[in-house]
């Protein structure tokens, strides 16, 4: 039988991860998170994650470094970081974005595994 439950999560009361992300709605195979008002700083160390990430910029600007590529992220832009791709972020202006991860980043501590400081848009 198909799953028929609806999950609703309000960002005001959602749990926070160790990198500063707010965990939003999550299903069995994907999850959302919110990076809210992340502040500018130095480029974060490159890392690889055990999940695919798609994101959407709500406000602010950031650079996404993916291998030899550099992409400027601005409001209205969306992006994909493939699973296992070496990447880093540099926040240029206070930055708010929503990301979805597949599989969910928080399950089995995927967000925490071998995470160097700063492996996220927010870098906490």
PDB file of N, CA and C in Angstrom:
ATOM      1  N   UNK A   1       0.845  -1.182   0.000  1.00  0.00           N
ATOM      2  CA  UNK A   1       0.000   0.000   0.000  1.00  0.00           C
ATOM      3  C   UNK A   1       0.883   1.236   0.000  1.00  0.00           C
ATOM      4  N   UNK A   2       0.493   2.244  -0.727  1.00  0.00           N
ATOM      5  CA  UNK A   2       1.261   3.488  -0.830  1.00  0.00           C
ATOM      6  C   UNK A   2       1.174   4.289   0.459  1.00  0.00           C
ATOM      7  N   UNK A   3       2.257   5.001   0.746  1.00  0.00           N
ATOM      8  CA  UNK A   3       2.288   5.907   1.897  1.00  0.00           C
ATOM      9  C   UNK A   3       1.278   7.019   1.668  1.00  0.00           C
ATOM     10  N   UNK A   4       0.485   7.346   2.676  1.00  0.00           N
ATOM     11  CA  UNK A   4      -0.537   8.379   2.526  1.00  0.00           C
ATOM     12  C   UNK A   4      -0.406   9.493   3.550  1.00  0.00           C
ATOM     13  N   UNK A   5       0.673   9.491   4.329  1.00  0.00           N
ATOM     14  CA  UNK A   5       0.876  10.518   5.357  1.00  0.00           C
ATOM     15  C   UNK A   5       1.476  11.773   4.754  1.00  0.00           C
ATOM     16  N   UNK A   6       1.089  12.914   5.286  1.00  0.00           N
ATOM     17  CA  UNK A   6       1.685  14.191   4.913  1.00  0.00           C
ATOM     18  C   UNK A   6       2.546  14.640   6.085  1.00  0.00           C
ATOM     19  N   UNK A   7       3.738  15.114   5.779  1.00  0.00           N
ATOM     20  CA  UNK A   7       4.622  15.652   6.804  1.00  0.00           C
ATOM     21  C   UNK A   7       4.715  17.150   6.609  1.00  0.00           C
ATOM     22  N   UNK A   8       4.529  17.889   7.687  1.00  0.00           N
ATOM     23  CA  UNK A   8       4.659  19.346   7.644  1.00  0.00           C
ATOM     24  C   UNK A   8       5.685  19.748   8.700  1.00  0.00           C
ATOM     25  N   UNK A   9       6.623  20.602   8.299  1.00  0.00           N
ATOM     26  CA  UNK A   9       7.645  21.095   9.225  1.00  0.00           C
ATOM     27  C   UNK A   9       7.705  22.608   9.072  1.00  0.00           C
ATOM     28  N   UNK A  10       7.610  23.331  10.166  1.00  0.00           N
ATOM     29  CA  UNK A  10       7.734  24.785  10.151  1.00  0.00           C
ATOM     30  C   UNK A  10       9.176  25.141  10.490  1.00  0.00           C
ATOM     31  N   UNK A  11       9.818  25.922   9.632  1.00  0.00           N
ATOM     32  CA  UNK A  11      11.232  26.272   9.814  1.00  0.00           C
ATOM     33  C   UNK A  11      11.491  26.989  11.135  1.00  0.00           C
ATOM     34  N   UNK A  12      10.494  27.674  11.672  1.00  0.00           N
ATOM     35  CA  UNK A  12      10.689  28.393  12.937  1.00  0.00           C
ATOM     36  C   UNK A  12      11.001  27.452  14.091  1.00  0.00           C
ATOM     37  N   UNK A  13      10.504  26.220  14.011  1.00  0.00           N
ATOM     38  CA  UNK A  13      10.709  25.288  15.122  1.00  0.00           C
ATOM     39  C   UNK A  13      11.432  24.011  14.702  1.00  0.00           C
ATOM     40  N   UNK A  14      12.030  24.013  13.514  1.00  0.00           N
ATOM     41  CA  UNK A  14      12.705  22.809  13.037  1.00  0.00           C
ATOM     42  C   UNK A  14      14.058  22.625  13.728  1.00  0.00           C
ATOM     43  N   UNK A  15      14.518  21.381  13.829  1.00  0.00           N
ATOM     44  CA  UNK A  15      15.818  21.129  14.467  1.00  0.00           C
ATOM     45  C   UNK A  15      16.961  21.655  13.616  1.00  0.00           C
ATOM     46  N   UNK A  16      18.050  22.021  14.291  1.00  0.00           N
ATOM     47  CA  UNK A  16      19.250  22.525  13.613  1.00  0.00           C
ATOM     48  C   UNK A  16      20.342  21.463  13.635  1.00  0.00           C
ATOM     49  N   UNK A  17      21.073  21.394  12.525  1.00  0.00           N
ATOM     50  CA  UNK A  17      22.222  20.507  12.453  1.00  0.00           C
ATOM     51  C   UNK A  17      23.477  21.212  12.921  1.00  0.00           C
ATOM     52  N   UNK A  18      24.550  20.481  13.038  1.00  0.00           N
ATOM     53  CA  UNK A  18      25.800  21.024  13.561  1.00  0.00           C
ATOM     54  C   UNK A  18      26.460  22.038  12.634  1.00  0.00           C
ATOM     55  N   UNK A  19      26.075  22.072  11.355  1.00  0.00           N
ATOM     56  CA  UNK A  19      26.638  23.042  10.412  1.00  0.00           C
ATOM     57  C   UNK A  19      25.793  24.313  10.338  1.00  0.00           C
ATOM     58  N   UNK A  20      24.690  24.370  11.103  1.00  0.00           N
ATOM     59  CA  UNK A  20      23.820  25.533  11.092  1.00  0.00           C
ATOM     60  C   UNK A  20      22.588  25.369  10.226  1.00  0.00           C
ATOM     61  N   UNK A  21      22.453  24.248   9.535  1.00  0.00           N
ATOM     62  CA  UNK A  21      21.301  24.007   8.683  1.00  0.00           C
ATOM     63  C   UNK A  21      20.062  23.701   9.523  1.00  0.00           C
ATOM     64  N   UNK A  22      18.903  24.141   9.033  1.00  0.00           N
ATOM     65  CA  UNK A  22      17.639  23.772   9.656  1.00  0.00           C
ATOM     66  C   UNK A  22      17.059  22.620   8.843  1.00  0.00           C
ATOM     67  N   UNK A  23      16.717  21.541   9.525  1.00  0.00           N
ATOM     68  CA  UNK A  23      16.135  20.395   8.842  1.00  0.00           C
ATOM     69  C   UNK A  23      14.647  20.632   8.625  1.00  0.00           C
ATOM     70  N   UNK A  24      14.226  20.498   7.362  1.00  0.00           N
ATOM     71  CA  UNK A  24      12.834  20.701   6.985  1.00  0.00           C
ATOM     72  C   UNK A  24      12.194  19.335   6.728  1.00  0.00           C
ATOM     73  N   UNK A  25      11.182  19.281   5.904  1.00  0.00           N
ATOM     74  CA  UNK A  25      10.481  18.026   5.634  1.00  0.00           C
ATOM     75  C   UNK A  25      11.433  16.987   5.040  1.00  0.00           C
ATOM     76  N   UNK A  26      11.191  15.729   5.410  1.00  0.00           N
ATOM     77  CA  UNK A  26      12.013  14.628   4.906  1.00  0.00           C
ATOM     78  C   UNK A  26      11.127  13.429   4.611  1.00  0.00           C
ATOM     79  N   UNK A  27      11.425  12.778   3.515  1.00  0.00           N
ATOM     80  CA  UNK A  27      10.760  11.534   3.166  1.00  0.00           C
ATOM     81  C   UNK A  27      11.742  10.396   3.315  1.00  0.00           C
ATOM     82  N   UNK A  28      11.400   9.264   2.748  1.00  0.00           N
ATOM     83  CA  UNK A  28      12.253   8.086   2.832  1.00  0.00           C
ATOM     84  C   UNK A  28      13.519   8.261   2.008  1.00  0.00           C
ATOM     85  N   UNK A  29      13.414   8.886   0.823  1.00  0.00           N
ATOM     86  CA  UNK A  29      14.576   8.947  -0.067  1.00  0.00           C
ATOM     87  C   UNK A  29      15.130  10.350  -0.299  1.00  0.00           C
ATOM     88  N   UNK A  30      14.504  11.383   0.255  1.00  0.00           N
ATOM     89  CA  UNK A  30      15.064  12.731   0.129  1.00  0.00           C
ATOM     90  C   UNK A  30      14.658  13.579   1.318  1.00  0.00           C
ATOM     91  N   UNK A  31      15.405  14.658   1.521  1.00  0.00           N
ATOM     92  CA  UNK A  31      15.138  15.553   2.644  1.00  0.00           C
ATOM     93  C   UNK A  31      15.488  16.980   2.242  1.00  0.00           C
ATOM     94  N   UNK A  32      14.829  17.934   2.898  1.00  0.00           N
ATOM     95  CA  UNK A  32      15.103  19.352   2.657  1.00  0.00           C
ATOM     96  C   UNK A  32      15.782  19.954   3.884  1.00  0.00           C
ATOM     97  N   UNK A  33      16.573  21.004   3.614  1.00  0.00           N
ATOM     98  CA  UNK A  33      17.181  21.764   4.700  1.00  0.00           C
ATOM     99  C   UNK A  33      17.274  23.218   4.270  1.00  0.00           C
ATOM    100  N   UNK A  34      17.369  24.098   5.248  1.00  0.00           N
ATOM    101  CA  UNK A  34      17.391  25.536   5.021  1.00  0.00           C
ATOM    102  C   UNK A  34      18.663  26.117   5.609  1.00  0.00           C
ATOM    103  N   UNK A  35      19.362  26.903   4.787  1.00  0.00           N
ATOM    104  CA  UNK A  35      20.501  27.703   5.254  1.00  0.00           C
ATOM    105  C   UNK A  35      19.970  29.117   5.320  1.00  0.00           C
ATOM    106  N   UNK A  36      19.876  29.682   6.509  1.00  0.00           N
ATOM    107  CA  UNK A  36      19.196  30.958   6.696  1.00  0.00           C
ATOM    108  C   UNK A  36      20.154  32.037   7.176  1.00  0.00           C
ATOM    109  N   UNK A  37      20.286  33.089   6.365  1.00  0.00           N
ATOM    110  CA  UNK A  37      21.082  34.260   6.717  1.00  0.00           C
ATOM    111  C   UNK A  37      22.522  33.893   7.093  1.00  0.00           C
ATOM    112  N   UNK A  38      23.134  33.019   6.295  1.00  0.00           N
ATOM    113  CA  UNK A  38      24.533  32.650   6.507  1.00  0.00           C
ATOM    114  C   UNK A  38      25.413  33.832   6.123  1.00  0.00           C
ATOM    115  N   UNK A  39      26.426  34.103   6.911  1.00  0.00           N
ATOM    116  CA  UNK A  39      27.241  35.307   6.753  1.00  0.00           C
ATOM    117  C   UNK A  39      28.490  35.064   5.898  1.00  0.00           C
ATOM    118  N   UNK A  40      28.959  36.116   5.233  1.00  0.00           N
ATOM    119  CA  UNK A  40      30.165  36.007   4.391  1.00  0.00           C
ATOM    120  C   UNK A  40      31.381  35.568   5.198  1.00  0.00           C
ATOM    121  N   UNK A  41      32.312  34.960   4.485  1.00  0.00           N
ATOM    122  CA  UNK A  41      33.546  34.514   5.119  1.00  0.00           C
ATOM    123  C   UNK A  41      34.478  33.944   4.088  1.00  0.00           C
ATOM    124  N   UNK A  42      35.504  33.280   4.575  1.00  0.00           N
ATOM    125  CA  UNK A  42      36.501  32.656   3.712  1.00  0.00           C
ATOM    126  C   UNK A  42      35.900  31.447   3.001  1.00  0.00           C
ATOM    127  N   UNK A  43      36.515  31.062   1.890  1.00  0.00           N
ATOM    128  CA  UNK A  43      36.095  29.844   1.203  1.00  0.00           C
ATOM    129  C   UNK A  43      36.279  28.657   2.139  1.00  0.00           C
ATOM    130  N   UNK A  44      35.330  27.737   2.096  1.00  0.00           N
ATOM    131  CA  UNK A  44      35.368  26.557   2.949  1.00  0.00           C
ATOM    132  C   UNK A  44      36.232  25.483   2.289  1.00  0.00           C
ATOM    133  N   UNK A  45      36.843  24.587   3.064  1.00  0.00           N
ATOM    134  CA  UNK A  45      37.647  23.514   2.479  1.00  0.00           C
ATOM    135  C   UNK A  45      36.798  22.619   1.576  1.00  0.00           C
ATOM    136  N   UNK A  46      37.379  22.122   0.504  1.00  0.00           N
ATOM    137  CA  UNK A  46      36.677  21.220  -0.402  1.00  0.00           C
ATOM    138  C   UNK A  46      36.361  19.910   0.309  1.00  0.00           C
ATOM    139  N   UNK A  47      35.230  19.320  -0.042  1.00  0.00           N
ATOM    140  CA  UNK A  47      34.845  18.038   0.532  1.00  0.00           C
ATOM    141  C   UNK A  47      33.972  17.275  -0.457  1.00  0.00           C
ATOM    142  N   UNK A  48      33.685  16.033  -0.120  1.00  0.00           N
ATOM    143  CA  UNK A  48      32.809  15.175  -0.909  1.00  0.00           C
ATOM    144  C   UNK A  48      31.730  14.655   0.017  1.00  0.00           C
ATOM    145  N   UNK A  49      30.492  14.640  -0.439  1.00  0.00           N
ATOM    146  CA  UNK A  49      29.381  14.166   0.386  1.00  0.00           C
ATOM    147  C   UNK A  49      28.804  12.880  -0.200  1.00  0.00           C
ATOM    148  N   UNK A  50      28.224  12.067   0.652  1.00  0.00           N
ATOM    149  CA  UNK A  50      27.658  10.784   0.263  1.00  0.00           C
ATOM    150  C   UNK A  50      26.191  10.919  -0.140  1.00  0.00           C
ATOM    151  N   UNK A  51      25.840  12.037  -0.764  1.00  0.00           N
ATOM    152  CA  UNK A  51      24.488  12.262  -1.266  1.00  0.00           C
ATOM    153  C   UNK A  51      24.529  13.330  -2.347  1.00  0.00           C
ATOM    154  N   UNK A  52      23.502  13.346  -3.183  1.00  0.00           N
ATOM    155  CA  UNK A  52      23.335  14.385  -4.197  1.00  0.00           C
ATOM    156  C   UNK A  52      22.584  15.549  -3.558  1.00  0.00           C
ATOM    157  N   UNK A  53      22.945  16.764  -3.939  1.00  0.00           N
ATOM    158  CA  UNK A  53      22.290  17.953  -3.403  1.00  0.00           C
ATOM    159  C   UNK A  53      21.792  18.822  -4.549  1.00  0.00           C
ATOM    160  N   UNK A  54      20.546  19.284  -4.424  1.00  0.00           N
ATOM    161  CA  UNK A  54      20.038  20.323  -5.315  1.00  0.00           C
ATOM    162  C   UNK A  54      19.641  21.494  -4.421  1.00  0.00           C
ATOM    163  N   UNK A  55      19.895  22.711  -4.881  1.00  0.00           N
ATOM    164  CA  UNK A  55      19.616  23.878  -4.060  1.00  0.00           C
ATOM    165  C   UNK A  55      18.976  24.998  -4.841  1.00  0.00           C
ATOM    166  N   UNK A  56      18.408  25.958  -4.095  1.00  0.00           N
ATOM    167  CA  UNK A  56      17.759  27.135  -4.672  1.00  0.00           C
ATOM    168  C   UNK A  56      18.075  28.336  -3.786  1.00  0.00           C
ATOM    169  N   UNK A  57      18.586  29.416  -4.386  1.00  0.00           N
ATOM    170  CA  UNK A  57      18.946  30.620  -3.640  1.00  0.00           C
ATOM    171  C   UNK A  57      17.723  31.520  -3.455  1.00  0.00           C
ATOM    172  N   UNK A  58      17.447  31.865  -2.210  1.00  0.00           N
ATOM    173  CA  UNK A  58      16.358  32.781  -1.891  1.00  0.00           C
ATOM    174  C   UNK A  58      16.874  34.209  -1.833  1.00  0.00           C
ATOM    175  N   UNK A  59      18.010  34.407  -1.152  1.00  0.00           N
ATOM    176  CA  UNK A  59      18.621  35.743  -1.111  1.00  0.00           C
ATOM    177  C   UNK A  59      20.113  35.617  -0.900  1.00  0.00           C
ATOM    178  N   UNK A  60      20.830  36.685  -1.248  1.00  0.00           N
ATOM    179  CA  UNK A  60      22.278  36.728  -1.073  1.00  0.00           C
ATOM    180  C   UNK A  60      23.017  36.153  -2.266  1.00  0.00           C
ATOM    181  N   UNK A  61      24.332  36.070  -2.103  1.00  0.00           N
ATOM    182  CA  UNK A  61      25.198  35.547  -3.168  1.00  0.00           C
ATOM    183  C   UNK A  61      26.271  34.669  -2.549  1.00  0.00           C
ATOM    184  N   UNK A  62      26.655  33.636  -3.301  1.00  0.00           N
ATOM    185  CA  UNK A  62      27.727  32.738  -2.873  1.00  0.00           C
ATOM    186  C   UNK A  62      28.406  32.182  -4.113  1.00  0.00           C
ATOM    187  N   UNK A  63      29.629  31.728  -3.926  1.00  0.00           N
ATOM    188  CA  UNK A  63      30.339  31.007  -4.982  1.00  0.00           C
ATOM    189  C   UNK A  63      30.305  29.532  -4.630  1.00  0.00           C
ATOM    190  N   UNK A  64      30.056  28.714  -5.639  1.00  0.00           N
ATOM    191  CA  UNK A  64      30.152  27.267  -5.507  1.00  0.00           C
ATOM    192  C   UNK A  64      31.329  26.825  -6.353  1.00  0.00           C
ATOM    193  N   UNK A  65      32.295  26.212  -5.722  1.00  0.00           N
ATOM    194  CA  UNK A  65      33.474  25.673  -6.406  1.00  0.00           C
ATOM    195  C   UNK A  65      33.275  24.170  -6.486  1.00  0.00           C
ATOM    196  N   UNK A  66      33.208  23.646  -7.717  1.00  0.00           N
ATOM    197  CA  UNK A  66      33.003  22.220  -7.922  1.00  0.00           C
ATOM    198  C   UNK A  66      34.089  21.748  -8.873  1.00  0.00           C
ATOM    199  N   UNK A  67      35.106  21.073  -8.319  1.00  0.00           N
ATOM    200  CA  UNK A  67      36.267  20.708  -9.126  1.00  0.00           C
ATOM    201  C   UNK A  67      36.880  21.978  -9.695  1.00  0.00           C
ATOM    202  N   UNK A  68      37.118  22.034 -10.999  1.00  0.00           N
ATOM    203  CA  UNK A  68      37.707  23.235 -11.594  1.00  0.00           C
ATOM    204  C   UNK A  68      36.674  24.331 -11.913  1.00  0.00           C
ATOM    205  N   UNK A  69      35.381  24.047 -11.684  1.00  0.00           N
ATOM    206  CA  UNK A  69      34.329  25.012 -12.014  1.00  0.00           C
ATOM    207  C   UNK A  69      34.063  25.979 -10.871  1.00  0.00           C
ATOM    208  N   UNK A  70      33.709  27.206 -11.226  1.00  0.00           N
ATOM    209  CA  UNK A  70      33.273  28.206 -10.258  1.00  0.00           C
ATOM    210  C   UNK A  70      31.932  28.728 -10.752  1.00  0.00           C
ATOM    211  N   UNK A  71      30.915  28.651  -9.896  1.00  0.00           N
ATOM    212  CA  UNK A  71      29.576  29.106 -10.251  1.00  0.00           C
ATOM    213  C   UNK A  71      29.145  30.149  -9.237  1.00  0.00           C
ATOM    214  N   UNK A  72      28.676  31.306  -9.725  1.00  0.00           N
ATOM    215  CA  UNK A  72      28.130  32.340  -8.851  1.00  0.00           C
ATOM    216  C   UNK A  72      26.662  32.027  -8.624  1.00  0.00           C
ATOM    217  N   UNK A  73      26.247  31.915  -7.369  1.00  0.00           N
ATOM    218  CA  UNK A  73      24.861  31.643  -7.006  1.00  0.00           C
ATOM    219  C   UNK A  73      24.212  32.924  -6.528  1.00  0.00           C
ATOM    220  N   UNK A  74      23.092  33.294  -7.170  1.00  0.00           N
ATOM    221  CA  UNK A  74      22.351  34.518  -6.841  1.00  0.00           C
ATOM    222  C   UNK A  74      20.870  34.180  -6.701  1.00  0.00           C
ATOM    223  N   UNK A  75      20.063  35.093  -6.129  1.00  0.00           N
ATOM    224  CA  UNK A  75      18.635  34.813  -5.954  1.00  0.00           C
ATOM    225  C   UNK A  75      17.984  34.339  -7.255  1.00  0.00           C
ATOM    226  N   UNK A  76      17.224  33.257  -7.122  1.00  0.00           N
ATOM    227  CA  UNK A  76      16.559  32.667  -8.272  1.00  0.00           C
ATOM    228  C   UNK A  76      17.348  31.563  -8.937  1.00  0.00           C
ATOM    229  N   UNK A  77      18.638  31.420  -8.603  1.00  0.00           N
ATOM    230  CA  UNK A  77      19.468  30.363  -9.180  1.00  0.00           C
ATOM    231  C   UNK A  77      19.232  29.047  -8.440  1.00  0.00           C
ATOM    232  N   UNK A  78      19.354  27.960  -9.169  1.00  0.00           N
ATOM    233  CA  UNK A  78      19.365  26.637  -8.559  1.00  0.00           C
ATOM    234  C   UNK A  78      20.624  25.913  -9.010  1.00  0.00           C
ATOM    235  N   UNK A  79      21.027  24.883  -8.263  1.00  0.00           N
ATOM    236  CA  UNK A  79      22.266  24.182  -8.580  1.00  0.00           C
ATOM    237  C   UNK A  79      22.164  22.716  -8.168  1.00  0.00           C
ATOM    238  N   UNK A  80      23.088  21.940  -8.685  1.00  0.00           N
ATOM    239  CA  UNK A  80      23.207  20.523  -8.334  1.00  0.00           C
ATOM    240  C   UNK A  80      24.663  20.235  -7.997  1.00  0.00           C
ATOM    241  N   UNK A  81      24.891  19.546  -6.892  1.00  0.00           N
ATOM    242  CA  UNK A  81      26.203  19.000  -6.565  1.00  0.00           C
ATOM    243  C   UNK A  81      26.037  17.482  -6.604  1.00  0.00           C
ATOM    244  N   UNK A  82      26.669  16.822  -7.568  1.00  0.00           N
ATOM    245  CA  UNK A  82      26.538  15.365  -7.666  1.00  0.00           C
ATOM    246  C   UNK A  82      27.129  14.657  -6.445  1.00  0.00           C
ATOM    247  N   UNK A  83      26.581  13.519  -6.139  1.00  0.00           N
ATOM    248  CA  UNK A  83      27.081  12.683  -5.043  1.00  0.00           C
ATOM    249  C   UNK A  83      28.568  12.399  -5.274  1.00  0.00           C
ATOM    250  N   UNK A  84      29.376  12.613  -4.258  1.00  0.00           N
ATOM    251  CA  UNK A  84      30.801  12.311  -4.326  1.00  0.00           C
ATOM    252  C   UNK A  84      31.659  13.365  -4.998  1.00  0.00           C
ATOM    253  N   UNK A  85      31.068  14.461  -5.490  1.00  0.00           N
ATOM    254  CA  UNK A  85      31.840  15.501  -6.179  1.00  0.00           C
ATOM    255  C   UNK A  85      32.584  16.383  -5.171  1.00  0.00           C
ATOM    256  N   UNK A  86      33.830  16.676  -5.442  1.00  0.00           N
ATOM    257  CA  UNK A  86      34.603  17.577  -4.595  1.00  0.00           C
ATOM    258  C   UNK A  86      34.096  19.000  -4.813  1.00  0.00           C
ATOM    259  N   UNK A  87      33.713  19.682  -3.715  1.00  0.00           N
ATOM    260  CA  UNK A  87      33.135  21.019  -3.835  1.00  0.00           C
ATOM    261  C   UNK A  87      33.367  21.827  -2.562  1.00  0.00           C
ATOM    262  N   UNK A  88      33.197  23.160  -2.695  1.00  0.00           N
ATOM    263  CA  UNK A  88      33.250  24.066  -1.544  1.00  0.00           C
ATOM    264  C   UNK A  88      32.407  25.290  -1.858  1.00  0.00           C
ATOM    265  N   UNK A  89      32.078  26.047  -0.814  1.00  0.00           N
ATOM    266  CA  UNK A  89      31.281  27.262  -0.952  1.00  0.00           C
ATOM    267  C   UNK A  89      32.037  28.443  -0.359  1.00  0.00           C
ATOM    268  N   UNK A  90      31.730  29.625  -0.861  1.00  0.00           N
ATOM    269  CA  UNK A  90      32.204  30.874  -0.263  1.00  0.00           C
ATOM    270  C   UNK A  90      31.026  31.838  -0.285  1.00  0.00           C
ATOM    271  N   UNK A  91      30.565  32.253   0.891  1.00  0.00           N
ATOM    272  CA  UNK A  91      29.439  33.176   1.004  1.00  0.00           C
ATOM    273  C   UNK A  91      29.953  34.585   0.743  1.00  0.00           C
ATOM    274  N   UNK A  92      29.309  35.298  -0.186  1.00  0.00           N
ATOM    275  CA  UNK A  92      29.712  36.665  -0.543  1.00  0.00           C
ATOM    276  C   UNK A  92      28.835  37.718   0.117  1.00  0.00           C
ATOM    277  N   UNK A  93      27.559  37.421   0.289  1.00  0.00           N
ATOM    278  CA  UNK A  93      26.578  38.303   0.937  1.00  0.00           C
ATOM    279  C   UNK A  93      25.704  37.426   1.818  1.00  0.00           C
ATOM    280  N   UNK A  94      25.088  37.994   2.870  1.00  0.00           N
ATOM    281  CA  UNK A  94      24.209  37.166   3.700  1.00  0.00           C
ATOM    282  C   UNK A  94      23.307  36.307   2.803  1.00  0.00           C
ATOM    283  N   UNK A  95      23.317  35.000   3.057  1.00  0.00           N
ATOM    284  CA  UNK A  95      22.824  33.999   2.110  1.00  0.00           C
ATOM    285  C   UNK A  95      21.750  33.122   2.727  1.00  0.00           C
ATOM    286  N   UNK A  96      20.644  32.982   1.999  1.00  0.00           N
ATOM    287  CA  UNK A  96      19.577  32.070   2.401  1.00  0.00           C
ATOM    288  C   UNK A  96      19.257  31.179   1.213  1.00  0.00           C
ATOM    289  N   UNK A  97      19.250  29.877   1.441  1.00  0.00           N
ATOM    290  CA  UNK A  97      18.979  28.917   0.375  1.00  0.00           C
ATOM    291  C   UNK A  97      18.306  27.681   0.958  1.00  0.00           C
ATOM    292  N   UNK A  98      17.554  26.998   0.102  1.00  0.00           N
ATOM    293  CA  UNK A  98      16.947  25.724   0.447  1.00  0.00           C
ATOM    294  C   UNK A  98      17.647  24.651  -0.375  1.00  0.00           C
ATOM    295  N   UNK A  99      17.945  23.521   0.261  1.00  0.00           N
ATOM    296  CA  UNK A  99      18.550  22.394  -0.437  1.00  0.00           C
ATOM    297  C   UNK A  99      17.710  21.140  -0.194  1.00  0.00           C
ATOM    298  N   UNK A 100      17.772  20.239  -1.160  1.00  0.00           N
ATOM    299  CA  UNK A 100      17.227  18.896  -0.990  1.00  0.00           C
ATOM    300  C   UNK A 100      18.382  17.920  -1.209  1.00  0.00           C
ATOM    301  N   UNK A 101      18.423  16.879  -0.401  1.00  0.00           N
ATOM    302  CA  UNK A 101      19.477  15.885  -0.527  1.00  0.00           C
ATOM    303  C   UNK A 101      18.856  14.509  -0.771  1.00  0.00           C
ATOM    304  N   UNK A 102      19.557  13.717  -1.584  1.00  0.00           N
ATOM    305  CA  UNK A 102      19.118  12.354  -1.860  1.00  0.00           C
ATOM    306  C   UNK A 102      20.329  11.443  -1.834  1.00  0.00           C
ATOM    307  N   UNK A 103      20.366  10.457  -0.968  1.00  0.00           N
ATOM    308  CA  UNK A 103      19.418  10.215   0.112  1.00  0.00           C
ATOM    309  C   UNK A 103      19.529  11.299   1.186  1.00  0.00           C
ATOM    310  N   UNK A 104      18.621  11.307   2.159  1.00  0.00           N
ATOM    311  CA  UNK A 104      18.642  12.351   3.186  1.00  0.00           C
ATOM    312  C   UNK A 104      20.012  12.494   3.849  1.00  0.00           C
ATOM    313  N   UNK A 105      20.509  13.722   3.920  1.00  0.00           N
ATOM    314  CA  UNK A 105      21.832  13.978   4.479  1.00  0.00           C
ATOM    315  C   UNK A 105      21.957  13.647   5.947  1.00  0.00           C
ATOM    316  N   UNK A 106      20.869  13.770   6.696  1.00  0.00           N
ATOM    317  CA  UNK A 106      20.969  13.557   8.141  1.00  0.00           C
ATOM    318  C   UNK A 106      20.868  12.086   8.529  1.00  0.00           C
ATOM    319  N   UNK A 107      20.360  11.230   7.655  1.00  0.00           N
ATOM    320  CA  UNK A 107      20.218   9.811   7.965  1.00  0.00           C
ATOM    321  C   UNK A 107      21.601   9.155   7.974  1.00  0.00           C
ATOM    322  N   UNK A 108      21.829   8.281   8.926  1.00  0.00           N
ATOM    323  CA  UNK A 108      23.110   7.585   9.092  1.00  0.00           C
ATOM    324  C   UNK A 108      24.269   8.580   9.223  1.00  0.00           C
ATOM    325  N   UNK A 109      23.993   9.772   9.729  1.00  0.00           N
ATOM    326  CA  UNK A 109      25.008  10.805   9.985  1.00  0.00           C
ATOM    327  C   UNK A 109      25.793  11.184   8.726  1.00  0.00           C
ATOM    328  N   UNK A 110      25.151  11.124   7.553  1.00  0.00           N
ATOM    329  CA  UNK A 110      25.842  11.506   6.307  1.00  0.00           C
ATOM    330  C   UNK A 110      26.336  12.951   6.364  1.00  0.00           C
ATOM    331  N   UNK A 111      25.596  13.827   7.035  1.00  0.00           N
ATOM    332  CA  UNK A 111      26.032  15.224   7.156  1.00  0.00           C
ATOM    333  C   UNK A 111      27.310  15.349   7.968  1.00  0.00           C
ATOM    334  N   UNK A 112      27.571  14.403   8.826  1.00  0.00           N
ATOM    335  CA  UNK A 112      28.693  14.504   9.760  1.00  0.00           C
ATOM    336  C   UNK A 112      29.904  13.683   9.355  1.00  0.00           C
ATOM    337  N   UNK A 113      29.741  12.689   8.502  1.00  0.00           N
ATOM    338  CA  UNK A 113      30.842  11.788   8.159  1.00  0.00           C
ATOM    339  C   UNK A 113      31.989  12.526   7.489  1.00  0.00           C
ATOM    340  N   UNK A 114      33.146  12.420   8.089  1.00  0.00           N
ATOM    341  CA  UNK A 114      34.372  13.003   7.520  1.00  0.00           C
ATOM    342  C   UNK A 114      34.177  14.450   7.086  1.00  0.00           C
ATOM    343  N   UNK A 115      33.375  15.191   7.826  1.00  0.00           N
ATOM    344  CA  UNK A 115      33.065  16.576   7.457  1.00  0.00           C
ATOM    345  C   UNK A 115      34.151  17.510   7.970  1.00  0.00           C
ATOM    346  N   UNK A 116      34.881  18.159   7.053  1.00  0.00           N
ATOM    347  CA  UNK A 116      35.811  19.184   7.513  1.00  0.00           C
ATOM    348  C   UNK A 116      35.015  20.405   7.938  1.00  0.00           C
ATOM    349  N   UNK A 117      35.543  21.249   8.825  1.00  0.00           N
ATOM    350  CA  UNK A 117      34.848  22.463   9.194  1.00  0.00           C
ATOM    351  C   UNK A 117      34.535  23.262   7.937  1.00  0.00           C
ATOM    352  N   UNK A 118      33.298  23.707   7.814  1.00  0.00           N
ATOM    353  CA  UNK A 118      32.935  24.571   6.702  1.00  0.00           C
ATOM    354  C   UNK A 118      32.383  23.867   5.493  1.00  0.00           C
ATOM    355  N   UNK A 119      32.073  22.556   5.589  1.00  0.00           N
ATOM    356  CA  UNK A 119      31.553  21.840   4.430  1.00  0.00           C
ATOM    357  C   UNK A 119      30.058  22.066   4.298  1.00  0.00           C
ATOM    358  N   UNK A 120      29.661  23.215   3.827  1.00  0.00           N
ATOM    359  CA  UNK A 120      28.260  23.561   3.639  1.00  0.00           C
ATOM    360  C   UNK A 120      28.214  24.998   3.178  1.00  0.00           C
ATOM    361  N   UNK A 121      27.084  25.438   2.656  1.00  0.00           N
ATOM    362  CA  UNK A 121      27.010  26.863   2.343  1.00  0.00           C
ATOM    363  C   UNK A 121      27.270  27.707   3.582  1.00  0.00           C
ATOM    364  N   UNK A 122      26.708  27.283   4.723  1.00  0.00           N
ATOM    365  CA  UNK A 122      26.876  28.032   5.945  1.00  0.00           C
ATOM    366  C   UNK A 122      28.211  27.816   6.617  1.00  0.00           C
ATOM    367  N   UNK A 123      28.750  26.638   6.500  1.00  0.00           N
ATOM    368  CA  UNK A 123      30.085  26.352   6.993  1.00  0.00           C
ATOM    369  C   UNK A 123      30.258  26.314   8.481  1.00  0.00           C
ATOM    370  N   UNK A 124      29.247  26.040   9.225  1.00  0.00           N
ATOM    371  CA  UNK A 124      29.389  25.974  10.680  1.00  0.00           C
ATOM    372  C   UNK A 124      29.848  24.617  11.112  1.00  0.00           C
TER     373      UNK A 124
END
